[in-house]
Protein backbone atom coordinates (compact mmCIF):
# COMPACT_ATOMS: atom_id res chain seq x y z
CA UNK A 1 -29.61 16.96 -22.08
CA UNK A 2 -27.85 13.60 -22.06
CA UNK A 3 -29.64 10.32 -22.47
CA UNK A 4 -28.99 7.75 -19.71
CA UNK A 5 -26.87 4.82 -20.84
CA UNK A 6 -28.27 1.35 -20.20
CA UNK A 7 -25.58 -0.70 -18.50
CA UNK A 8 -24.85 -3.99 -16.83
CA UNK A 9 -22.63 -5.18 -14.03
CA UNK A 10 -20.67 -8.29 -14.94
CA UNK A 11 -19.16 -10.22 -12.04
CA UNK A 12 -15.45 -10.91 -12.40
CA UNK A 13 -13.34 -13.82 -11.21
CA UNK A 14 -11.05 -12.96 -8.29
CA UNK A 15 -7.87 -13.10 -10.37
CA UNK A 16 -9.20 -10.57 -12.89
CA UNK A 17 -10.47 -8.33 -10.09
CA UNK A 18 -7.02 -8.35 -8.44
CA UNK A 19 -5.43 -7.59 -11.82
CA UNK A 20 -7.69 -4.53 -12.16
CA UNK A 21 -6.91 -3.48 -8.57
CA UNK A 22 -3.21 -3.75 -9.38
CA UNK A 23 -3.69 -1.35 -12.31
CA UNK A 24 -4.99 1.38 -10.00
CA UNK A 25 -3.01 3.41 -7.49
CA UNK A 26 -5.77 4.85 -5.31
CA UNK A 27 -8.80 3.59 -3.46
CA UNK A 28 -10.48 3.77 -0.08
CA UNK A 29 -9.89 1.92 3.15
CA UNK A 30 -13.23 1.04 4.77
CA UNK A 31 -13.79 0.19 8.43
CA UNK A 32 -16.42 0.66 11.10
CA UNK A 33 -15.84 2.96 14.08
CA UNK A 34 -18.62 2.54 16.61
CA UNK A 35 -21.56 1.92 14.32
CA UNK A 36 -20.46 4.37 11.63
CA UNK A 37 -18.68 3.26 8.45
CA UNK A 38 -15.48 5.23 7.88
CA UNK A 39 -13.89 5.65 4.44
CA UNK A 40 -10.36 6.98 4.12
CA UNK A 41 -8.63 7.79 0.83
CA UNK A 42 -5.57 5.65 0.29
CA UNK A 43 -2.78 4.69 -2.05
CA UNK A 44 -2.01 1.02 -2.49
CA UNK A 45 0.28 -1.53 -4.07
CA UNK A 46 -0.29 -5.25 -4.51
CA UNK A 47 2.88 -7.22 -3.75
CA UNK A 48 3.34 -10.95 -3.23
CA UNK A 49 -0.42 -11.44 -2.91
CA UNK A 50 -0.70 -8.85 -0.16
CA UNK A 51 -2.32 -5.43 -0.46
CA UNK A 52 -0.25 -2.67 1.14
CA UNK A 53 -2.28 0.46 1.90
CA UNK A 54 -1.10 3.91 2.99
CA UNK A 55 -3.98 5.89 4.45
CA UNK A 56 -4.67 8.92 6.66
CA UNK A 57 -6.08 6.99 9.61
CA UNK A 58 -4.79 6.56 13.13
CA UNK A 59 -2.92 3.29 13.58
CA UNK A 60 -4.71 2.71 16.91
CA UNK A 61 -8.09 2.79 15.13
CA UNK A 62 -6.94 0.10 12.71
CA UNK A 63 -4.75 -2.09 14.94
CA UNK A 64 -7.72 -3.44 16.89
CA UNK A 65 -9.41 -4.77 13.73
CA UNK A 66 -8.66 -8.28 12.61
CA UNK A 67 -10.12 -7.64 9.16
CA UNK A 68 -10.30 -4.59 6.89
CA UNK A 69 -11.96 -3.78 3.58
CA UNK A 70 -10.42 -1.90 0.66
CA UNK A 71 -12.30 -0.60 -2.36
CA UNK A 72 -11.07 0.84 -5.66
CA UNK A 73 -12.81 1.67 -8.90
CA UNK A 74 -12.39 3.31 -12.23
CA UNK A 75 -15.63 4.55 -13.71
CA UNK A 76 -16.02 6.74 -16.76
CA UNK A 77 -19.19 8.62 -15.88
CA UNK A 78 -19.77 9.92 -19.40
CA UNK A 79 -19.67 6.45 -20.91
CA UNK A 80 -21.02 4.48 -17.96
CA UNK A 81 -18.21 1.93 -18.21
CA UNK A 82 -15.44 0.84 -15.88
CA UNK A 83 -14.89 -1.52 -12.98
CA UNK A 84 -15.15 -1.78 -9.22
CA UNK A 85 -13.20 -4.08 -6.86
CA UNK A 86 -13.62 -4.69 -3.13
CA UNK A 87 -11.16 -6.76 -1.08
CA UNK A 88 -11.63 -7.92 2.51
CA UNK A 89 -9.23 -9.88 4.65
CA UNK A 90 -7.06 -10.16 7.72
CA UNK A 91 -5.07 -6.99 8.27
CA UNK A 92 -2.21 -5.70 10.32
CA UNK A 93 -0.56 -2.32 10.78
CA UNK A 94 3.02 -2.35 9.45
CA UNK A 95 5.29 -1.43 12.35
CA UNK A 96 8.69 -2.71 11.19
CA UNK A 97 10.74 0.48 10.56
CA UNK A 98 12.58 -0.87 7.51
CA UNK A 99 9.43 -2.20 5.86
CA UNK A 100 7.50 0.97 6.73
CA UNK A 101 10.31 3.11 5.32
CA UNK A 102 10.23 1.17 2.06
CA UNK A 103 6.47 1.65 1.63
CA UNK A 104 6.60 5.32 2.65
CA UNK A 105 9.08 5.83 -0.21
CA UNK A 106 6.99 3.68 -2.59
CA UNK A 107 3.48 4.98 -1.85
CA UNK A 108 2.34 8.59 -1.82
CA UNK A 109 0.77 9.76 1.42
CA UNK A 110 -2.10 12.11 2.18
CA UNK A 111 -0.73 13.40 5.48
CA UNK A 112 2.36 13.13 7.66
CA UNK A 113 2.27 12.35 11.34
CA UNK A 114 -0.11 10.31 13.47
CA UNK A 115 -2.69 9.96 10.69
CA UNK A 116 -0.27 8.36 8.22
CA UNK A 117 -0.63 4.62 8.57
CA UNK A 118 0.55 1.62 6.57
CA UNK A 119 -1.60 -1.52 6.60
CA UNK A 120 -1.11 -4.98 5.09
CA UNK A 121 -4.29 -6.79 4.02
CA UNK A 122 -4.29 -10.45 2.99
CA UNK A 123 -7.17 -10.67 0.49
CA UNK A 124 -9.61 -13.42 1.45
CA UNK A 125 -12.74 -12.12 -0.20
CA UNK A 126 -12.43 -10.42 -3.58
CA UNK A 127 -15.51 -9.03 -5.31
CA UNK A 128 -15.13 -7.39 -8.70
CA UNK A 129 -17.53 -6.12 -11.32
CA UNK A 130 -17.04 -4.71 -14.79
CA UNK A 131 -19.50 -1.99 -15.78
CA UNK A 132 -20.42 -2.25 -19.45
CA UNK A 133 -23.05 -1.15 -21.91
CA UNK A 134 -25.95 -3.58 -22.03
CA UNK A 135 -25.30 -4.51 -25.67
CA UNK A 136 -21.57 -5.10 -24.98
CA UNK A 137 -22.33 -7.46 -22.11
CA UNK A 138 -24.38 -9.91 -24.15
């Protein structure tokens, strides 16, 4: 039997949270359809202050939203340490064929076809937390 680890969440400045997000390749795109939250797995890259996301969601479901949320984390369950970052901001589906082609070559996809969408999010709200052992956070 393992003993639970006492931990703390330490809020991070936006720049550090974006740095952590940049170190990851995968996360989840979050949006609301009807009244139900929808989470889609996604690959991402942070370029020129914009978050480019490739996700298995229909472009029509995302195009009508002026703002989207993206979440990524890296948590070591055994040690109870890691980080979590959530970004929200204005978003748009990437429709330019040259730009879309570049990101389809750059980012892995989950599916091909109508559920393979590229989205650009301009981070306005960045919330990040580092998960640490209680004694390390003091």
